[in-house]
Amino acid sequence: MRIRLARGVALFSTGALAGAFGYGAANLVPTFRAVPLETRLSFHTELMQMNGITMQGAMGVSALSALMLTVMSRGTARWLAGGATLLAVSSFLITRLGNVPINGRIKEWAVTSAPPDHAEILARWEAFNYARTGAAFAAFLLLILLVLRQERVGRDAEDGRTRRPVAVP
């Protein structure tokens, strides 16, 4: 029962994280590029202030629930959950070490002015954003695979079937 709860929390939180990052990558980043720089800076600053707690919380719950699942699982499931854990932690580290420092600079620019190399810095923020989005989606995919695999194994056990490896010549 506890492992099912851990699976559910890991799958839900990582899916929510991937969805939020995916929405940002697909919709917010192109919108940031389409509006005047002053609009982007002020909106970006407000958005990051609102996102700070929720997104870091989602990353934390994703990483911790995937870690719990790793500890509770065996075999292939453990490897899948462990990979999801590493990817969720990666999305957190990319955010904290890549995006957050740039967010601090953007906050300053919103009340002063952007430096001459602002386009390069904003492009770096976008690259970090795409990297953390990819990590979150990959973590979610591994957890989906884990759940689907567990379902298949459970169905086979209920049917009295055992999976035998197929010899590949």
N, C-alpha and C. Protein backbone atom coordinates (compact mmCIF):
# COMPACT_ATOMS: atom_id res chain seq x y z
N MET A 1 0.82 -1.20 0.00
CA MET A 1 0.00 0.00 0.00
C MET A 1 0.86 1.26 0.00
N ARG A 2 1.93 1.27 0.83
CA ARG A 2 2.79 2.46 0.88
C ARG A 2 3.50 2.70 -0.45
N ILE A 3 3.89 1.63 -1.12
CA ILE A 3 4.58 1.81 -2.39
C ILE A 3 3.62 2.37 -3.45
N ARG A 4 2.36 1.99 -3.38
CA ARG A 4 1.37 2.54 -4.32
C ARG A 4 1.18 4.03 -4.07
N LEU A 5 1.17 4.42 -2.81
CA LEU A 5 1.05 5.84 -2.46
C LEU A 5 2.28 6.61 -2.96
N ALA A 6 3.47 6.04 -2.72
CA ALA A 6 4.70 6.68 -3.19
C ALA A 6 4.70 6.82 -4.71
N ARG A 7 4.25 5.78 -5.41
CA ARG A 7 4.16 5.83 -6.87
C ARG A 7 3.21 6.94 -7.32
N GLY A 8 2.06 7.00 -6.66
CA GLY A 8 1.08 8.02 -7.02
C GLY A 8 1.58 9.44 -6.78
N VAL A 9 2.20 9.67 -5.62
CA VAL A 9 2.72 11.01 -5.31
C VAL A 9 3.85 11.37 -6.28
N ALA A 10 4.74 10.43 -6.54
CA ALA A 10 5.85 10.69 -7.46
C ALA A 10 5.33 11.00 -8.87
N LEU A 11 4.40 10.20 -9.32
CA LEU A 11 3.86 10.39 -10.66
C LEU A 11 3.11 11.72 -10.77
N PHE A 12 2.27 12.02 -9.79
CA PHE A 12 1.49 13.26 -9.81
C PHE A 12 2.40 14.49 -9.73
N SER A 13 3.30 14.51 -8.76
CA SER A 13 4.13 15.71 -8.57
C SER A 13 5.08 15.93 -9.74
N THR A 14 5.63 14.86 -10.27
CA THR A 14 6.55 15.00 -11.40
C THR A 14 5.80 15.38 -12.67
N GLY A 15 4.58 14.86 -12.82
CA GLY A 15 3.76 15.26 -13.96
C GLY A 15 3.37 16.73 -13.88
N ALA A 16 3.02 17.18 -12.67
CA ALA A 16 2.68 18.60 -12.49
C ALA A 16 3.90 19.48 -12.78
N LEU A 17 5.06 19.05 -12.32
CA LEU A 17 6.29 19.80 -12.56
C LEU A 17 6.60 19.88 -14.05
N ALA A 18 6.53 18.74 -14.72
CA ALA A 18 6.80 18.73 -16.17
C ALA A 18 5.78 19.59 -16.91
N GLY A 19 4.53 19.51 -16.50
CA GLY A 19 3.50 20.31 -17.13
C GLY A 19 3.72 21.80 -16.95
N ALA A 20 4.09 22.20 -15.74
CA ALA A 20 4.33 23.62 -15.48
C ALA A 20 5.54 24.12 -16.28
N PHE A 21 6.61 23.36 -16.25
CA PHE A 21 7.79 23.76 -17.03
C PHE A 21 7.47 23.73 -18.53
N GLY A 22 6.72 22.73 -18.97
CA GLY A 22 6.37 22.63 -20.38
C GLY A 22 5.53 23.81 -20.83
N TYR A 23 4.58 24.22 -20.00
CA TYR A 23 3.76 25.40 -20.32
C TYR A 23 4.66 26.64 -20.45
N GLY A 24 5.58 26.78 -19.52
CA GLY A 24 6.49 27.93 -19.58
C GLY A 24 7.34 27.92 -20.84
N ALA A 25 7.87 26.76 -21.18
CA ALA A 25 8.73 26.66 -22.36
C ALA A 25 7.95 26.88 -23.65
N ALA A 26 6.73 26.37 -23.70
CA ALA A 26 5.94 26.46 -24.93
C ALA A 26 5.21 27.79 -25.08
N ASN A 27 4.87 28.43 -23.97
CA ASN A 27 4.04 29.64 -24.04
C ASN A 27 4.70 30.89 -23.48
N LEU A 28 5.28 30.79 -22.31
CA LEU A 28 5.85 32.00 -21.70
C LEU A 28 7.10 32.50 -22.41
N VAL A 29 8.01 31.58 -22.71
CA VAL A 29 9.26 32.02 -23.35
C VAL A 29 9.00 32.71 -24.68
N PRO A 30 8.17 32.13 -25.57
CA PRO A 30 7.89 32.85 -26.82
C PRO A 30 7.18 34.20 -26.58
N THR A 31 6.33 34.26 -25.56
CA THR A 31 5.67 35.52 -25.24
C THR A 31 6.69 36.54 -24.72
N PHE A 32 7.62 36.08 -23.88
CA PHE A 32 8.69 36.97 -23.40
C PHE A 32 9.41 37.61 -24.58
N ARG A 33 9.67 36.81 -25.63
CA ARG A 33 10.40 37.32 -26.79
C ARG A 33 9.57 38.30 -27.62
N ALA A 34 8.24 38.17 -27.55
CA ALA A 34 7.36 38.96 -28.42
C ALA A 34 7.02 40.34 -27.86
N VAL A 35 7.21 40.54 -26.57
CA VAL A 35 6.82 41.81 -25.96
C VAL A 35 8.05 42.71 -25.80
N PRO A 36 7.84 44.00 -25.61
CA PRO A 36 8.98 44.90 -25.36
C PRO A 36 9.77 44.46 -24.11
N LEU A 37 11.05 44.75 -24.12
CA LEU A 37 11.94 44.32 -23.05
C LEU A 37 11.43 44.76 -21.67
N GLU A 38 10.96 46.00 -21.55
CA GLU A 38 10.48 46.50 -20.25
C GLU A 38 9.32 45.66 -19.74
N THR A 39 8.43 45.27 -20.64
CA THR A 39 7.29 44.43 -20.27
C THR A 39 7.78 43.06 -19.81
N ARG A 40 8.72 42.50 -20.57
CA ARG A 40 9.26 41.19 -20.19
C ARG A 40 9.89 41.27 -18.81
N LEU A 41 10.69 42.27 -18.56
CA LEU A 41 11.40 42.35 -17.28
C LEU A 41 10.44 42.47 -16.10
N SER A 42 9.44 43.32 -16.23
CA SER A 42 8.51 43.50 -15.11
C SER A 42 7.65 42.25 -14.92
N PHE A 43 7.17 41.65 -16.02
CA PHE A 43 6.36 40.44 -15.90
C PHE A 43 7.20 39.28 -15.37
N HIS A 44 8.40 39.12 -15.89
CA HIS A 44 9.30 38.05 -15.47
C HIS A 44 9.57 38.16 -13.97
N THR A 45 9.82 39.37 -13.49
CA THR A 45 10.08 39.59 -12.07
C THR A 45 8.89 39.16 -11.22
N GLU A 46 7.70 39.58 -11.60
CA GLU A 46 6.50 39.20 -10.84
C GLU A 46 6.23 37.70 -10.91
N LEU A 47 6.41 37.12 -12.09
CA LEU A 47 6.18 35.70 -12.26
C LEU A 47 7.14 34.88 -11.39
N MET A 48 8.40 35.25 -11.38
CA MET A 48 9.38 34.50 -10.59
C MET A 48 9.10 34.63 -9.09
N GLN A 49 8.59 35.77 -8.68
CA GLN A 49 8.24 35.95 -7.27
C GLN A 49 7.11 34.99 -6.90
N MET A 50 6.13 34.85 -7.77
CA MET A 50 5.01 33.93 -7.51
C MET A 50 5.46 32.47 -7.63
N ASN A 51 6.32 32.18 -8.59
CA ASN A 51 6.76 30.81 -8.84
C ASN A 51 7.76 30.29 -7.83
N GLY A 52 8.46 31.18 -7.16
CA GLY A 52 9.55 30.77 -6.29
C GLY A 52 9.19 29.63 -5.36
N ILE A 53 8.14 29.77 -4.62
CA ILE A 53 7.76 28.75 -3.64
C ILE A 53 7.10 27.55 -4.31
N THR A 54 6.17 27.79 -5.21
CA THR A 54 5.42 26.68 -5.79
C THR A 54 6.30 25.76 -6.64
N MET A 55 7.14 26.33 -7.48
CA MET A 55 7.96 25.49 -8.36
C MET A 55 9.05 24.76 -7.58
N GLN A 56 9.67 25.44 -6.62
CA GLN A 56 10.69 24.75 -5.83
C GLN A 56 10.05 23.68 -4.95
N GLY A 57 8.83 23.96 -4.48
CA GLY A 57 8.10 22.94 -3.73
C GLY A 57 7.80 21.72 -4.59
N ALA A 58 7.36 21.97 -5.81
CA ALA A 58 7.06 20.86 -6.74
C ALA A 58 8.32 20.06 -7.05
N MET A 59 9.44 20.75 -7.23
CA MET A 59 10.69 20.04 -7.49
C MET A 59 11.09 19.20 -6.29
N GLY A 60 10.92 19.77 -5.08
CA GLY A 60 11.25 19.04 -3.86
C GLY A 60 10.39 17.81 -3.66
N VAL A 61 9.07 17.96 -3.83
CA VAL A 61 8.16 16.82 -3.67
C VAL A 61 8.46 15.76 -4.74
N SER A 62 8.75 16.19 -5.96
CA SER A 62 9.09 15.24 -7.02
C SER A 62 10.34 14.44 -6.67
N ALA A 63 11.37 15.14 -6.25
CA ALA A 63 12.63 14.47 -5.93
C ALA A 63 12.48 13.54 -4.71
N LEU A 64 11.82 14.03 -3.66
CA LEU A 64 11.68 13.21 -2.45
C LEU A 64 10.78 12.00 -2.67
N SER A 65 9.68 12.18 -3.39
CA SER A 65 8.79 11.03 -3.62
C SER A 65 9.46 10.01 -4.54
N ALA A 66 10.20 10.47 -5.53
CA ALA A 66 10.93 9.53 -6.40
C ALA A 66 12.02 8.81 -5.61
N LEU A 67 12.67 9.52 -4.68
CA LEU A 67 13.68 8.88 -3.84
C LEU A 67 13.04 7.82 -2.94
N MET A 68 11.89 8.16 -2.34
CA MET A 68 11.18 7.16 -1.52
C MET A 68 10.85 5.94 -2.35
N LEU A 69 10.40 6.16 -3.56
CA LEU A 69 10.06 5.06 -4.45
C LEU A 69 11.31 4.24 -4.80
N THR A 70 12.43 4.91 -4.97
CA THR A 70 13.69 4.21 -5.24
C THR A 70 14.04 3.28 -4.09
N VAL A 71 13.94 3.78 -2.88
CA VAL A 71 14.28 3.00 -1.69
C VAL A 71 13.33 1.81 -1.53
N MET A 72 12.06 2.00 -1.86
CA MET A 72 11.04 0.97 -1.65
C MET A 72 10.98 -0.06 -2.78
N SER A 73 11.63 0.20 -3.90
CA SER A 73 11.52 -0.67 -5.07
C SER A 73 12.71 -1.60 -5.18
N ARG A 74 12.57 -2.54 -6.10
CA ARG A 74 13.63 -3.50 -6.38
C ARG A 74 13.80 -3.62 -7.89
N GLY A 75 14.95 -4.10 -8.29
CA GLY A 75 15.19 -4.41 -9.70
C GLY A 75 15.07 -3.22 -10.63
N THR A 76 14.42 -3.46 -11.77
CA THR A 76 14.26 -2.43 -12.79
C THR A 76 13.50 -1.22 -12.26
N ALA A 77 12.50 -1.47 -11.43
CA ALA A 77 11.72 -0.36 -10.86
C ALA A 77 12.62 0.57 -10.06
N ARG A 78 13.56 0.01 -9.34
CA ARG A 78 14.50 0.83 -8.57
C ARG A 78 15.35 1.70 -9.49
N TRP A 79 15.80 1.13 -10.60
CA TRP A 79 16.61 1.89 -11.55
C TRP A 79 15.80 3.02 -12.19
N LEU A 80 14.56 2.73 -12.54
CA LEU A 80 13.71 3.76 -13.12
C LEU A 80 13.42 4.88 -12.13
N ALA A 81 13.09 4.50 -10.90
CA ALA A 81 12.81 5.50 -9.86
C ALA A 81 14.08 6.28 -9.52
N GLY A 82 15.21 5.61 -9.49
CA GLY A 82 16.48 6.29 -9.22
C GLY A 82 16.82 7.29 -10.32
N GLY A 83 16.58 6.91 -11.55
CA GLY A 83 16.80 7.84 -12.66
C GLY A 83 15.88 9.05 -12.56
N ALA A 84 14.62 8.80 -12.21
CA ALA A 84 13.67 9.91 -12.04
C ALA A 84 14.12 10.82 -10.90
N THR A 85 14.64 10.23 -9.83
CA THR A 85 15.14 11.03 -8.71
C THR A 85 16.27 11.95 -9.17
N LEU A 86 17.23 11.38 -9.87
CA LEU A 86 18.37 12.17 -10.35
C LEU A 86 17.92 13.28 -11.30
N LEU A 87 16.96 12.99 -12.13
CA LEU A 87 16.47 14.01 -13.06
C LEU A 87 15.69 15.11 -12.34
N ALA A 88 14.90 14.74 -11.33
CA ALA A 88 14.17 15.76 -10.55
C ALA A 88 15.16 16.63 -9.77
N VAL A 89 16.19 16.02 -9.21
CA VAL A 89 17.22 16.79 -8.51
C VAL A 89 17.96 17.68 -9.51
N SER A 90 18.19 17.17 -10.72
CA SER A 90 18.84 17.98 -11.76
C SER A 90 18.02 19.20 -12.10
N SER A 91 16.70 19.05 -12.22
CA SER A 91 15.86 20.21 -12.54
C SER A 91 15.95 21.25 -11.42
N PHE A 92 16.03 20.78 -10.18
CA PHE A 92 16.19 21.70 -9.05
C PHE A 92 17.54 22.42 -9.11
N LEU A 93 18.62 21.67 -9.35
CA LEU A 93 19.95 22.27 -9.39
C LEU A 93 20.10 23.24 -10.57
N ILE A 94 19.56 22.87 -11.72
CA ILE A 94 19.60 23.78 -12.88
C ILE A 94 18.89 25.08 -12.53
N THR A 95 17.75 24.96 -11.87
CA THR A 95 16.98 26.15 -11.48
C THR A 95 17.76 27.00 -10.49
N ARG A 96 18.24 26.37 -9.42
CA ARG A 96 18.92 27.11 -8.35
C ARG A 96 20.25 27.72 -8.81
N LEU A 97 20.99 26.99 -9.61
CA LEU A 97 22.33 27.45 -10.01
C LEU A 97 22.33 28.19 -11.34
N GLY A 98 21.31 27.99 -12.17
CA GLY A 98 21.25 28.63 -13.48
C GLY A 98 20.23 29.74 -13.56
N ASN A 99 18.96 29.38 -13.39
CA ASN A 99 17.88 30.36 -13.57
C ASN A 99 17.80 31.39 -12.45
N VAL A 100 17.89 30.96 -11.20
CA VAL A 100 17.67 31.87 -10.07
C VAL A 100 18.66 33.03 -10.05
N PRO A 101 19.97 32.80 -10.25
CA PRO A 101 20.87 33.96 -10.29
C PRO A 101 20.52 34.97 -11.40
N ILE A 102 20.11 34.45 -12.55
CA ILE A 102 19.72 35.34 -13.64
C ILE A 102 18.42 36.06 -13.27
N ASN A 103 17.51 35.37 -12.61
CA ASN A 103 16.28 36.02 -12.15
C ASN A 103 16.60 37.22 -11.26
N GLY A 104 17.62 37.09 -10.41
CA GLY A 104 18.03 38.20 -9.56
C GLY A 104 18.50 39.39 -10.37
N ARG A 105 19.23 39.11 -11.43
CA ARG A 105 19.69 40.19 -12.32
C ARG A 105 18.52 40.84 -13.04
N ILE A 106 17.58 40.02 -13.50
CA ILE A 106 16.40 40.54 -14.20
C ILE A 106 15.61 41.45 -13.27
N LYS A 107 15.52 41.06 -12.01
CA LYS A 107 14.80 41.88 -11.02
C LYS A 107 15.46 43.26 -10.90
N GLU A 108 16.78 43.30 -10.91
CA GLU A 108 17.50 44.58 -10.85
C GLU A 108 17.25 45.39 -12.12
N TRP A 109 17.27 44.73 -13.27
CA TRP A 109 17.07 45.44 -14.54
C TRP A 109 15.68 46.06 -14.61
N ALA A 110 14.70 45.40 -13.98
CA ALA A 110 13.32 45.91 -14.04
C ALA A 110 13.19 47.27 -13.38
N VAL A 111 14.06 47.57 -12.41
CA VAL A 111 13.99 48.89 -11.74
C VAL A 111 15.08 49.84 -12.21
N THR A 112 16.08 49.31 -12.91
CA THR A 112 17.13 50.18 -13.46
C THR A 112 17.05 50.11 -14.98
N SER A 113 18.01 49.45 -15.58
CA SER A 113 17.96 49.20 -17.03
C SER A 113 18.81 47.98 -17.33
N ALA A 114 18.50 47.35 -18.45
CA ALA A 114 19.22 46.15 -18.86
C ALA A 114 20.60 46.53 -19.40
N PRO A 115 21.61 45.70 -19.14
CA PRO A 115 22.96 45.98 -19.66
C PRO A 115 23.01 45.69 -21.16
N PRO A 116 24.08 46.14 -21.81
CA PRO A 116 24.20 45.91 -23.25
C PRO A 116 24.17 44.43 -23.65
N ASP A 117 24.66 43.53 -22.77
CA ASP A 117 24.69 42.10 -23.10
C ASP A 117 23.45 41.35 -22.59
N HIS A 118 22.36 42.08 -22.37
CA HIS A 118 21.16 41.45 -21.81
C HIS A 118 20.61 40.33 -22.68
N ALA A 119 20.70 40.44 -23.99
CA ALA A 119 20.15 39.41 -24.87
C ALA A 119 20.87 38.07 -24.66
N GLU A 120 22.19 38.13 -24.48
CA GLU A 120 22.96 36.92 -24.22
C GLU A 120 22.57 36.30 -22.87
N ILE A 121 22.38 37.13 -21.88
CA ILE A 121 22.01 36.64 -20.54
C ILE A 121 20.61 36.04 -20.57
N LEU A 122 19.68 36.69 -21.26
CA LEU A 122 18.33 36.15 -21.37
C LEU A 122 18.33 34.84 -22.17
N ALA A 123 19.17 34.73 -23.17
CA ALA A 123 19.28 33.48 -23.94
C ALA A 123 19.82 32.37 -23.04
N ARG A 124 20.74 32.71 -22.14
CA ARG A 124 21.27 31.72 -21.19
C ARG A 124 20.16 31.26 -20.24
N TRP A 125 19.32 32.20 -19.78
CA TRP A 125 18.19 31.85 -18.92
C TRP A 125 17.27 30.87 -19.66
N GLU A 126 17.01 31.14 -20.93
CA GLU A 126 16.14 30.26 -21.73
C GLU A 126 16.77 28.88 -21.89
N ALA A 127 18.08 28.81 -22.10
CA ALA A 127 18.75 27.51 -22.22
C ALA A 127 18.61 26.72 -20.92
N PHE A 128 18.82 27.37 -19.79
CA PHE A 128 18.62 26.70 -18.51
C PHE A 128 17.16 26.25 -18.36
N ASN A 129 16.23 27.09 -18.80
CA ASN A 129 14.81 26.75 -18.70
C ASN A 129 14.50 25.50 -19.53
N TYR A 130 15.04 25.42 -20.74
CA TYR A 130 14.80 24.24 -21.57
C TYR A 130 15.46 23.00 -20.96
N ALA A 131 16.62 23.17 -20.36
CA ALA A 131 17.31 22.03 -19.74
C ALA A 131 16.51 21.49 -18.55
N ARG A 132 16.01 22.37 -17.69
CA ARG A 132 15.24 21.89 -16.54
C ARG A 132 13.90 21.31 -16.99
N THR A 133 13.34 21.86 -18.05
CA THR A 133 12.09 21.31 -18.60
C THR A 133 12.33 19.90 -19.12
N GLY A 134 13.41 19.72 -19.85
CA GLY A 134 13.75 18.39 -20.36
C GLY A 134 13.99 17.39 -19.24
N ALA A 135 14.68 17.82 -18.18
CA ALA A 135 14.93 16.93 -17.05
C ALA A 135 13.61 16.53 -16.38
N ALA A 136 12.70 17.48 -16.22
CA ALA A 136 11.41 17.18 -15.59
C ALA A 136 10.59 16.22 -16.46
N PHE A 137 10.58 16.45 -17.77
CA PHE A 137 9.84 15.55 -18.66
C PHE A 137 10.45 14.15 -18.67
N ALA A 138 11.77 14.06 -18.65
CA ALA A 138 12.42 12.75 -18.63
C ALA A 138 12.12 12.02 -17.32
N ALA A 139 12.11 12.73 -16.20
CA ALA A 139 11.76 12.12 -14.91
C ALA A 139 10.33 11.59 -14.96
N PHE A 140 9.43 12.39 -15.49
CA PHE A 140 8.03 11.98 -15.61
C PHE A 140 7.90 10.74 -16.49
N LEU A 141 8.61 10.71 -17.60
CA LEU A 141 8.58 9.57 -18.51
C LEU A 141 9.07 8.30 -17.81
N LEU A 142 10.15 8.40 -17.04
CA LEU A 142 10.66 7.22 -16.33
C LEU A 142 9.63 6.70 -15.32
N LEU A 143 8.93 7.62 -14.65
CA LEU A 143 7.92 7.19 -13.69
C LEU A 143 6.71 6.58 -14.39
N ILE A 144 6.35 7.10 -15.55
CA ILE A 144 5.27 6.48 -16.33
C ILE A 144 5.67 5.06 -16.72
N LEU A 145 6.89 4.90 -17.19
CA LEU A 145 7.38 3.56 -17.55
C LEU A 145 7.35 2.63 -16.35
N LEU A 146 7.76 3.12 -15.21
CA LEU A 146 7.76 2.33 -13.98
C LEU A 146 6.34 1.85 -13.66
N VAL A 147 5.37 2.77 -13.69
CA VAL A 147 3.98 2.42 -13.37
C VAL A 147 3.43 1.44 -14.39
N LEU A 148 3.67 1.68 -15.66
CA LEU A 148 3.17 0.76 -16.69
C LEU A 148 3.79 -0.62 -16.53
N ARG A 149 5.06 -0.66 -16.22
CA ARG A 149 5.75 -1.93 -16.00
C ARG A 149 5.17 -2.66 -14.80
N GLN A 150 4.92 -1.93 -13.72
CA GLN A 150 4.35 -2.54 -12.52
C GLN A 150 2.95 -3.08 -12.80
N GLU A 151 2.18 -2.34 -13.58
CA GLU A 151 0.83 -2.81 -13.95
C GLU A 151 0.92 -4.11 -14.74
N ARG A 152 1.84 -4.17 -15.69
CA ARG A 152 1.98 -5.37 -16.52
C ARG A 152 2.41 -6.55 -15.67
N VAL A 153 3.36 -6.34 -14.79
CA VAL A 153 3.84 -7.41 -13.92
C VAL A 153 2.70 -7.88 -13.01
N GLY A 154 1.92 -6.94 -12.49
CA GLY A 154 0.79 -7.28 -11.63
C GLY A 154 -0.28 -8.08 -12.37
N ARG A 155 -0.59 -7.67 -13.61
CA ARG A 155 -1.58 -8.41 -14.41
C ARG A 155 -1.10 -9.81 -14.71
N ASP A 156 0.18 -9.92 -15.05
CA ASP A 156 0.73 -11.24 -15.35
C ASP A 156 0.67 -12.14 -14.12
N ALA A 157 0.96 -11.58 -12.96
CA ALA A 157 0.90 -12.36 -11.72
C ALA A 157 -0.53 -12.81 -11.43
N GLU A 158 -1.50 -11.94 -11.68
CA GLU A 158 -2.91 -12.30 -11.47
C GLU A 158 -3.34 -13.40 -12.42
N ASP A 159 -2.80 -13.40 -13.61
CA ASP A 159 -3.15 -14.41 -14.62
C ASP A 159 -2.38 -15.71 -14.41
N GLY A 160 -1.45 -15.72 -13.47
CA GLY A 160 -0.65 -16.91 -13.24
C GLY A 160 0.47 -17.09 -14.22
N ARG A 161 0.76 -16.04 -15.00
CA ARG A 161 1.83 -16.12 -15.99
C ARG A 161 3.12 -15.58 -15.38
N THR A 162 4.20 -16.12 -15.82
CA THR A 162 5.49 -15.57 -15.45
C THR A 162 6.20 -15.16 -16.73
N ARG A 163 6.91 -14.09 -16.65
CA ARG A 163 7.65 -13.62 -17.81
C ARG A 163 8.98 -14.35 -17.86
N ARG A 164 9.26 -14.88 -19.00
CA ARG A 164 10.56 -15.53 -19.19
C ARG A 164 11.33 -14.72 -20.21
N PRO A 165 12.59 -14.51 -19.94
CA PRO A 165 13.38 -13.76 -20.92
C PRO A 165 13.44 -14.51 -22.25
N VAL A 166 13.38 -13.78 -23.31
CA VAL A 166 13.47 -14.35 -24.64
C VAL A 166 14.92 -14.30 -25.07
N ALA A 167 15.43 -15.44 -25.48
CA ALA A 167 16.82 -15.49 -25.93
C ALA A 167 16.92 -14.81 -27.29
N VAL A 168 17.85 -13.90 -27.38
CA VAL A 168 18.08 -13.19 -28.65
C VAL A 168 19.36 -13.75 -29.24
N PRO A 169 19.24 -14.29 -30.47
CA PRO A 169 20.45 -14.87 -31.10
C PRO A 169 21.47 -13.84 -31.44
